[in-house]
Protein backbone atom coordinates (compact mmCIF):
# COMPACT_ATOMS: atom_id res chain seq x y z
CA MET A 1 29.89 23.82 -68.67
CA ARG A 2 29.32 25.24 -65.01
CA TYR A 3 28.13 21.57 -63.32
CA SER A 4 27.92 17.87 -64.80
CA ILE A 5 24.31 16.71 -64.97
CA LEU A 6 23.92 13.50 -63.23
CA ALA A 7 20.86 11.35 -63.54
CA PRO A 8 19.21 11.33 -60.02
CA ALA A 9 20.17 8.24 -57.60
CA ILE A 10 17.77 8.35 -55.28
CA LEU A 11 17.07 6.03 -52.81
CA ALA A 12 19.13 3.54 -55.01
CA GLY A 13 18.90 -0.37 -54.19
CA THR A 14 15.40 0.21 -52.29
CA VAL A 15 12.00 -0.16 -53.31
CA HIS A 16 10.74 3.66 -53.31
CA ALA A 17 7.51 5.58 -54.67
CA TRP A 18 7.36 6.16 -57.89
CA LEU A 19 10.09 8.63 -59.70
CA PRO A 20 8.84 10.36 -63.34
CA GLN A 21 11.49 8.64 -65.26
CA GLU A 22 10.52 5.65 -64.17
CA ARG A 23 6.99 5.57 -65.30
CA ASP A 24 8.21 6.90 -68.89
CA LEU A 25 6.26 9.68 -68.73
CA ALA A 26 6.37 10.81 -72.09
CA ALA A 27 7.52 14.52 -71.22
CA PHE A 28 10.66 12.97 -69.69
CA ASN A 29 11.57 11.11 -72.62
CA MET A 30 14.13 13.76 -74.01
CA THR A 31 15.08 11.47 -76.67
CA ALA A 32 11.30 11.33 -78.05
CA ARG A 33 10.89 14.59 -77.30
CA PHE A 34 13.92 15.71 -79.53
CA GLU A 35 12.77 13.65 -82.59
CA GLN A 36 9.36 15.48 -82.34
CA LEU A 37 11.07 18.75 -82.76
CA GLY A 38 13.19 17.08 -85.80
CA LYS A 39 16.41 17.34 -83.85
CA ARG A 40 18.94 14.97 -82.83
CA VAL A 41 20.31 13.81 -79.32
CA LEU A 42 23.73 15.27 -78.89
CA PRO A 43 25.26 12.39 -76.84
CA SER A 44 25.80 14.96 -73.94
CA LEU A 45 22.11 15.22 -73.65
CA GLY A 46 19.50 12.69 -72.36
CA ASP A 47 16.95 11.50 -70.19
CA ASN A 48 18.57 12.98 -66.78
CA GLY A 49 15.04 13.16 -64.79
CA LYS A 50 15.19 16.83 -63.98
CA VAL A 51 11.91 18.24 -63.26
CA ARG A 52 11.33 21.33 -65.14
CA GLY A 53 7.65 22.80 -64.56
CA VAL A 54 5.35 25.64 -63.91
CA ASN A 55 2.90 26.40 -61.17
CA LEU A 56 -0.93 26.49 -62.45
CA GLY A 57 -1.06 29.30 -59.84
CA THR A 58 -4.33 31.64 -59.14
CA TRP A 59 -6.60 29.01 -60.77
CA LEU A 60 -8.06 27.00 -57.95
CA ILE A 61 -6.93 29.74 -55.28
CA CYS A 62 -7.22 33.09 -56.66
CA GLU A 63 -4.47 35.71 -55.81
CA PRO A 64 -5.99 39.18 -56.67
CA PHE A 65 -2.80 40.91 -57.35
CA PHE A 66 -2.02 38.64 -60.49
CA MET A 67 -5.37 38.74 -61.88
CA ASP A 68 -7.20 42.06 -61.10
CA ASN A 69 -9.68 42.80 -63.78
CA GLU A 70 -10.68 38.69 -63.71
CA TRP A 71 -10.98 39.12 -59.82
CA ARG A 72 -12.83 42.41 -59.85
CA ASN A 73 -14.78 42.67 -62.69
CA VAL A 74 -15.37 39.08 -64.00
CA MET A 75 -15.73 37.20 -61.03
CA GLY A 76 -17.17 40.62 -59.13
CA CYS A 77 -14.92 40.21 -56.29
CA GLY A 78 -14.20 44.24 -56.11
CA ASP A 79 -12.03 45.00 -53.16
CA SER A 80 -12.28 41.71 -51.32
CA ALA A 81 -8.83 40.43 -50.17
CA SER A 82 -9.40 36.66 -50.59
CA GLU A 83 -11.83 33.80 -52.06
CA ARG A 84 -13.37 33.72 -48.31
CA ASP A 85 -13.89 37.29 -48.31
CA CYS A 86 -15.25 37.71 -51.98
CA MET A 87 -18.23 35.03 -50.95
CA LYS A 88 -19.17 36.60 -47.87
CA ASP A 89 -18.85 40.31 -49.09
CA HIS A 90 -20.13 39.51 -52.19
CA TYR A 91 -22.01 36.40 -52.69
CA SER A 92 -23.55 36.03 -49.14
CA GLY A 93 -27.07 34.14 -48.28
CA ASP A 94 -29.31 33.65 -50.92
CA ASN A 95 -26.66 34.99 -53.57
CA SER A 96 -24.16 32.05 -52.88
CA ASP A 97 -25.26 30.25 -56.32
CA ALA A 98 -24.33 33.41 -57.85
CA GLY A 99 -20.80 33.69 -56.33
CA ASN A 100 -20.31 29.43 -57.17
CA ASP A 101 -21.10 30.75 -60.68
CA ALA A 102 -18.35 33.22 -61.08
CA PHE A 103 -16.03 30.86 -59.03
CA GLU A 104 -16.77 27.91 -61.49
CA LYS A 105 -16.41 30.39 -64.66
CA HIS A 106 -13.12 31.00 -63.55
CA TRP A 107 -12.18 27.20 -63.01
CA SER A 108 -13.24 26.71 -66.40
CA THR A 109 -11.49 29.33 -68.34
CA TRP A 110 -8.28 30.35 -66.50
CA ILE A 111 -6.82 26.97 -66.72
CA THR A 112 -7.80 24.42 -69.38
CA PRO A 113 -6.65 21.19 -70.73
CA ASP A 114 -5.40 23.17 -73.81
CA THR A 115 -2.97 25.05 -71.28
CA VAL A 116 -1.45 22.03 -70.30
CA GLN A 117 -0.86 21.34 -73.90
CA SER A 118 0.95 24.66 -73.79
CA VAL A 119 2.98 23.88 -70.89
CA HIS A 120 3.87 20.74 -73.09
CA ASP A 121 4.74 22.42 -75.85
CA VAL A 122 7.21 24.72 -74.67
CA GLY A 123 9.52 21.70 -73.07
CA LEU A 124 8.15 21.21 -69.87
CA ASN A 125 7.60 18.32 -68.16
CA THR A 126 5.65 19.21 -64.59
CA ILE A 127 2.78 20.87 -63.42
CA ARG A 128 2.42 21.96 -59.83
CA ILE A 129 -1.58 22.81 -58.78
CA PRO A 130 -2.03 24.84 -55.90
CA ILE A 131 -5.22 23.78 -54.12
CA GLY A 132 -7.29 24.85 -50.97
CA TYR A 133 -8.86 22.48 -48.24
CA TRP A 134 -12.33 23.76 -49.31
CA SER A 135 -12.49 21.27 -52.63
CA TYR A 136 -13.31 18.72 -50.04
CA THR A 137 -16.68 19.74 -48.96
CA ASP A 138 -17.06 17.29 -46.16
CA ILE A 139 -14.87 19.16 -43.92
CA VAL A 140 -16.00 22.42 -44.63
CA ASP A 141 -17.97 24.47 -41.68
CA LYS A 142 -20.65 25.72 -44.37
CA ASP A 143 -22.21 28.04 -41.77
CA ASN A 144 -18.73 29.89 -40.93
CA GLU A 145 -16.73 29.48 -43.83
CA PRO A 146 -18.17 30.90 -46.82
CA PHE A 147 -15.94 29.58 -49.95
CA PRO A 148 -17.03 28.52 -53.19
CA ASP A 149 -18.41 25.17 -53.82
CA GLY A 150 -15.68 22.63 -53.95
CA ASP A 151 -17.48 19.99 -55.38
CA ARG A 152 -18.12 22.41 -58.69
CA MET A 153 -14.61 22.44 -58.70
CA LEU A 154 -13.60 19.23 -59.14
CA PRO A 155 -14.44 18.49 -62.71
CA TYR A 156 -11.66 21.05 -63.97
CA LEU A 157 -9.20 19.85 -61.82
CA ASP A 158 -9.81 16.11 -62.83
CA ALA A 159 -9.67 17.54 -66.55
CA VAL A 160 -6.57 19.06 -66.12
CA VAL A 161 -4.87 16.03 -64.62
CA GLN A 162 -6.51 13.79 -67.19
CA LYS A 163 -4.53 16.25 -69.93
CA ALA A 164 -1.68 16.02 -68.20
CA ALA A 165 -1.95 12.14 -68.01
CA ASP A 166 -2.34 11.86 -71.52
CA LEU A 167 1.06 13.90 -72.48
CA GLY A 168 3.22 12.45 -69.64
CA ILE A 169 3.46 15.12 -67.44
CA TYR A 170 4.12 14.84 -63.97
CA VAL A 171 1.80 16.58 -61.09
CA ILE A 172 2.44 17.73 -57.72
CA ILE A 173 -0.70 18.60 -55.71
CA ASP A 174 -0.08 21.08 -53.13
CA LEU A 175 -1.92 22.10 -49.95
CA HIS A 176 -1.65 25.71 -50.55
CA GLY A 177 -4.46 26.72 -48.24
CA ALA A 178 -5.18 24.84 -45.16
CA PRO A 179 -8.10 25.11 -42.42
CA GLY A 180 -7.74 28.14 -40.93
CA GLY A 181 -4.74 29.60 -43.08
CA GLN A 182 -1.39 28.58 -42.32
CA GLN A 183 0.28 31.98 -43.22
CA GLN A 184 -0.90 35.51 -42.78
CA ASP A 185 -1.41 36.09 -46.55
CA VAL A 186 -4.62 35.32 -49.10
CA PHE A 187 -2.68 33.08 -50.79
CA THR A 188 -4.25 30.52 -48.04
CA GLY A 189 -7.75 31.51 -50.24
CA GLN A 190 -8.48 33.38 -46.79
CA ASN A 191 -6.85 36.68 -45.17
CA PRO A 192 -5.89 35.09 -41.46
CA ASN A 193 -4.58 37.33 -38.58
CA PRO A 194 -2.89 35.89 -37.04
CA ALA A 195 -2.49 32.43 -39.00
CA GLY A 196 -4.92 29.99 -37.27
CA PHE A 197 -3.77 26.64 -38.92
CA PHE A 198 -1.87 25.91 -35.92
CA GLN A 199 -3.96 23.99 -33.74
CA ASP A 200 -5.65 20.11 -33.27
CA ASN A 201 -8.70 20.74 -35.05
CA GLU A 202 -7.52 22.55 -38.28
CA TYR A 203 -4.66 19.78 -38.31
CA GLU A 204 -7.42 16.84 -38.06
CA ARG A 205 -9.39 18.21 -40.77
CA ALA A 206 -6.07 18.99 -43.25
CA GLU A 207 -5.03 15.58 -42.79
CA LYS A 208 -8.70 14.27 -43.53
CA TRP A 209 -8.06 16.27 -46.99
CA LEU A 210 -5.00 14.66 -47.27
CA ALA A 211 -6.41 11.15 -46.96
CA TRP A 212 -9.46 12.12 -49.46
CA MET A 213 -6.49 13.53 -52.14
CA ALA A 214 -4.55 10.42 -51.65
CA GLU A 215 -7.49 8.16 -52.30
CA ARG A 216 -8.73 10.26 -55.47
CA ILE A 217 -5.22 9.94 -56.93
CA HIS A 218 -5.01 6.25 -56.50
CA THR A 219 -8.56 5.28 -57.29
CA ASN A 220 -9.17 7.73 -60.33
CA ASP A 221 -7.02 6.96 -63.60
CA ALA A 222 -7.11 10.82 -64.39
CA TYR A 223 -4.79 11.24 -61.74
CA SER A 224 -1.95 8.71 -63.07
CA SER A 225 0.67 10.82 -63.41
CA VAL A 226 0.16 12.61 -60.04
CA GLY A 227 3.16 11.24 -57.79
CA MET A 228 3.51 13.76 -55.32
CA LEU A 229 1.46 15.12 -52.65
CA GLU A 230 2.56 18.07 -50.72
CA VAL A 231 0.93 18.28 -47.21
CA LEU A 232 1.69 22.30 -46.68
CA ASN A 233 2.75 24.86 -48.45
CA GLU A 234 4.71 27.85 -46.88
CA PRO A 235 3.86 27.90 -43.44
CA VAL A 236 4.75 31.37 -41.60
CA SER A 237 8.58 31.14 -41.31
CA GLU A 238 11.29 33.09 -40.10
CA HIS A 239 11.35 35.42 -43.31
CA ASP A 240 8.21 36.98 -41.90
CA GLY A 241 9.66 38.90 -38.82
CA GLU A 242 7.17 38.97 -35.73
CA ARG A 243 4.70 36.81 -37.78
CA TYR A 244 6.84 33.62 -36.50
CA PRO A 245 6.38 31.74 -34.75
CA ALA A 246 2.38 31.82 -35.20
CA PRO A 247 0.60 31.04 -32.19
CA ASN A 248 0.94 27.08 -31.37
CA GLN A 249 3.04 26.40 -34.45
CA VAL A 250 6.36 25.90 -32.52
CA PRO A 251 6.92 22.60 -31.94
CA SER A 252 3.20 21.49 -32.95
CA MET A 253 3.59 21.53 -36.43
CA ILE A 254 6.93 19.39 -37.20
CA GLU A 255 5.98 17.13 -34.01
CA THR A 256 1.77 16.73 -34.36
CA PHE A 257 0.92 17.40 -37.77
CA TYR A 258 3.80 16.57 -39.94
CA PRO A 259 4.16 12.87 -38.57
CA ALA A 260 -0.05 12.86 -38.60
CA ALA A 261 0.00 14.33 -42.12
CA LEU A 262 2.60 11.54 -43.62
CA LYS A 263 0.19 9.04 -41.57
CA ALA A 264 -2.81 10.13 -43.24
CA ILE A 265 -1.40 9.49 -46.53
CA ARG A 266 0.48 5.96 -45.92
CA ASP A 267 -2.55 4.83 -43.85
CA LYS A 268 -4.91 5.19 -46.88
CA GLU A 269 -2.38 4.01 -49.05
CA ALA A 270 -2.07 0.62 -46.76
CA GLU A 271 -5.89 0.82 -46.47
CA LEU A 272 -6.32 0.83 -50.83
CA GLY A 273 -3.53 -1.65 -51.05
CA VAL A 274 -1.18 0.31 -52.69
CA SER A 275 2.04 -1.02 -53.34
CA ASP A 276 5.73 0.62 -52.36
CA ASP A 277 6.49 1.27 -56.00
CA LYS A 278 3.08 3.34 -56.78
CA LYS A 279 3.15 5.11 -53.61
CA LEU A 280 2.92 8.87 -53.33
CA HIS A 281 6.00 11.20 -52.59
CA VAL A 282 4.82 13.01 -49.71
CA GLN A 283 6.40 16.32 -49.76
CA PHE A 284 7.16 19.06 -47.06
CA MET A 285 8.54 22.40 -47.09
CA SER A 286 12.47 22.25 -47.03
CA SER A 287 14.46 23.49 -44.00
CA LYS A 288 15.59 26.13 -46.04
CA TRP A 289 12.29 27.65 -45.86
CA GLY A 290 12.54 28.80 -42.37
CA SER A 291 10.08 26.68 -40.51
CA GLY A 292 12.17 24.16 -38.54
CA ASP A 293 13.40 21.01 -40.42
CA PRO A 294 10.82 18.18 -41.20
CA ARG A 295 13.74 15.61 -40.70
CA SER A 296 13.54 16.11 -37.59
CA ASN A 297 10.84 14.22 -36.47
CA GLY A 298 11.44 10.78 -36.39
CA ASP A 299 8.59 9.44 -38.54
CA VAL A 300 9.42 11.85 -41.42
CA ALA A 301 12.99 11.53 -41.62
CA GLY A 302 12.30 7.63 -41.19
CA ASP A 303 10.11 7.44 -44.50
CA ASP A 304 11.72 6.69 -47.70
CA ASN A 305 9.33 8.23 -49.81
CA THR A 306 9.31 11.60 -48.85
CA ALA A 307 10.52 15.05 -50.78
CA PHE A 308 11.09 18.47 -49.92
CA ASP A 309 10.03 21.81 -51.65
CA ASP A 310 12.65 24.79 -51.75
CA HIS A 311 11.03 28.32 -52.45
CA ASN A 312 13.82 30.94 -53.69
CA TYR A 313 12.81 34.29 -54.90
CA ILE A 314 15.88 36.14 -55.43
CA GLY A 315 14.40 39.45 -56.01
CA PHE A 316 12.90 39.73 -52.62
CA ALA A 317 15.80 38.02 -50.85
CA VAL A 318 18.54 40.57 -51.97
CA GLY A 319 16.06 43.33 -50.79
CA ASP A 320 17.13 46.92 -51.77
CA SER A 321 19.39 45.66 -54.37
CA LYS A 322 16.98 44.02 -56.77
CA GLY A 323 17.26 46.49 -59.24
CA ASP A 324 21.17 45.76 -59.45
CA LYS A 325 21.77 43.21 -62.02
CA ASP A 326 25.11 42.12 -60.60
CA THR A 327 23.68 41.04 -57.27
CA LEU A 328 20.92 39.18 -58.69
CA MET A 329 23.58 37.05 -61.16
CA ARG A 330 25.96 36.93 -58.23
CA SER A 331 22.98 35.59 -55.97
CA ALA A 332 21.98 33.10 -58.67
CA CYS A 333 25.31 32.27 -59.65
CA THR A 334 26.96 31.39 -55.98
CA ASP A 335 23.94 30.42 -54.21
CA ASN A 336 23.37 26.46 -53.21
CA ARG A 337 19.93 25.18 -52.25
CA VAL A 338 20.93 21.80 -51.80
CA VAL A 339 20.00 20.23 -48.14
CA ASP A 340 21.83 16.80 -46.94
CA GLY A 341 19.67 14.55 -46.21
CA GLU A 342 16.65 15.79 -48.12
CA ASN A 343 15.72 13.50 -51.19
CA PHE A 344 13.92 14.50 -54.12
CA GLU A 345 14.60 17.97 -53.34
CA ILE A 346 13.04 20.43 -56.04
CA THR A 347 12.40 24.33 -56.12
CA GLY A 348 9.19 24.37 -56.30
CA GLU A 349 8.64 28.53 -56.66
CA TRP A 350 11.20 31.01 -58.00
CA SER A 351 10.58 33.64 -60.37
CA MET A 352 12.78 36.58 -61.95
CA THR A 353 10.92 39.25 -60.21
CA SER A 354 13.19 42.16 -59.49
CA ASP A 355 13.18 45.79 -60.41
CA VAL A 356 15.34 45.42 -63.55
CA SER A 357 12.99 46.29 -66.66
CA PRO A 358 11.43 43.37 -68.08
CA ASP A 359 12.52 45.05 -71.46
CA ASP A 360 16.24 44.24 -70.30
CA ALA A 361 16.36 40.69 -72.58
CA ASP A 362 19.47 40.09 -72.21
CA PHE A 363 19.40 40.26 -68.73
CA PHE A 364 16.43 37.94 -68.16
CA LYS A 365 18.17 35.55 -70.43
CA ASP A 366 21.09 34.78 -68.28
CA PHE A 367 18.92 35.59 -65.16
CA PHE A 368 16.69 32.54 -66.09
CA THR A 369 19.47 30.28 -67.59
CA ALA A 370 21.64 30.89 -63.86
CA GLN A 371 18.62 29.84 -61.82
CA GLN A 372 17.91 26.96 -63.99
CA GLN A 373 21.12 26.05 -63.45
CA LEU A 374 21.24 26.74 -59.85
CA TYR A 375 17.99 24.39 -59.30
CA GLU A 376 19.51 21.48 -61.41
CA LYS A 377 22.97 21.18 -59.57
CA PRO A 378 23.81 17.66 -58.61
CA GLY A 379 21.58 17.07 -55.04
CA MET A 380 18.85 19.30 -56.62
CA ASN A 381 16.12 17.45 -58.84
CA GLY A 382 14.64 20.33 -60.57
CA TRP A 383 12.47 23.40 -60.45
CA ILE A 384 8.75 24.82 -61.01
CA TYR A 385 8.32 28.48 -62.26
CA TRP A 386 5.71 30.77 -60.44
CA MET A 387 3.58 30.77 -62.62
CA TRP A 388 1.93 29.73 -65.96
CA LYS A 389 -0.70 32.86 -66.37
CA THR A 390 -1.27 36.16 -64.93
CA GLU A 391 -2.88 39.13 -65.95
CA LEU A 392 0.40 41.17 -65.30
CA ASN A 393 1.93 40.63 -68.80
CA ASP A 394 5.02 40.59 -67.04
CA PRO A 395 7.99 37.69 -67.61
CA ARG A 396 9.60 38.27 -64.23
CA TRP A 397 6.20 36.33 -62.79
CA THR A 398 4.62 34.83 -65.97
CA TYR A 399 6.25 31.78 -67.70
CA SER A 400 4.12 32.09 -70.48
CA ASP A 401 5.08 35.81 -71.00
CA ALA A 402 8.57 35.16 -70.54
CA THR A 403 8.12 32.10 -73.91
CA TYR A 404 6.39 34.57 -75.80
CA LYS A 405 9.26 37.26 -75.51
CA ASN A 406 11.89 34.26 -76.09
CA LEU A 407 13.41 35.30 -72.42
CA VAL A 408 13.36 31.53 -72.01
CA PRO A 409 13.98 28.26 -74.02
CA THR A 410 10.66 27.47 -76.12
CA ASP A 411 10.92 23.90 -76.24
CA ALA A 412 12.31 20.50 -74.54
CA ALA A 413 16.03 20.70 -76.32
CA GLY A 414 16.41 24.41 -75.72
CA LEU A 415 15.75 23.75 -72.16
CA GLU A 416 18.12 20.80 -72.03
CA SER A 417 20.88 22.85 -74.20
CA ASN A 418 20.68 25.90 -72.06
CA VAL A 419 22.02 23.79 -68.85
CA TYR A 420 25.71 23.91 -70.78
CA ARG A 421 25.15 27.86 -71.60
CA GLU A 422 28.13 30.00 -69.74
CA VAL A 423 26.47 33.13 -68.09
CA CYS A 424 28.50 33.23 -64.68
CA SER A 425 31.45 33.67 -65.70
CA GLY A 426 32.84 37.00 -63.25
CA PHE A 427 29.98 36.56 -61.23
CA THR A 428 30.99 33.55 -58.79
């Protein structure tokens, strides 16, 4: 085997925010899951607490690339670039109710509690839910920000997290679309040019959203398995070339927004009387993302209950070599995502995207395994694939399709034993 799998000793000896293996979440109980499958638990396998999950992407924030027919024809968004653009271009004024109906139909059908059951049934124990700030309608400038009605979104979010709680699945909620847009990309639900998030008034709105969501998590039983809240997904980074830094991003994001975001969540927890062992982990992008080191801020470094989000798309990182199988495997087999000092570090987005044909089953079985092992090394706490469902019918992006084509293990036992499969000989 490549790596010994060690149970995480995060914050040992201190009172800390809860970890999934401490709540007896059913999806993390490997013994029970093996028994459900009629399989014996091998002595070398067990409850190692690694996060193994999938993103429920392009649901509460649509990304047209992954859902072209749904976007154009079902939702009536045509060539509009983003959710905000769709509402402005097609459903403005007196027609806004029709737009809200179109988005509500999407929210009610794209991901459902049955989806969560399917995620559980293929052996995963975690879901990450990307969501936009317009889900909290009190902070939306309704005259100038024509988003779909976030109040109509919330019942569907509630139903999905309730199903996750019922199944003992750990949940991470991710502020994927911040006010003004933290990235020059439509994954923010907007199409900003340049990114407009990095200013005090937008920071304040994001802080209000984080406090609101923290209260929702702590006061609604449906959210009982939500253990982590991510303050900002993928801000503009060094990977974006001339876009970085966005206007006012440096140093204000780390010096101003990050500590204020953390304070907004902790102040709400204090107001609600949340005990230390029931607090949320507050997640920041890893310093590997290339938009600064969150722990360079003393408030972030001083909070024992932070977590860190590593995103690693090997197919993009290797550039012109993304069709070369040896290059892709060598990257997966020799990389190291561990950052000293970043406790509870998860690779929260990754995929098998590449120029290798998706029909090359032997390659993708090995490529998945090499990445699973990379993200479960000692010092890493697991992974969340991007994403569960698309219209691409492409296993390189779509975990459900990869399971259907048997390119990845299809139950908890298979994922556990996959850690010990040798695929990197000749690539290290």
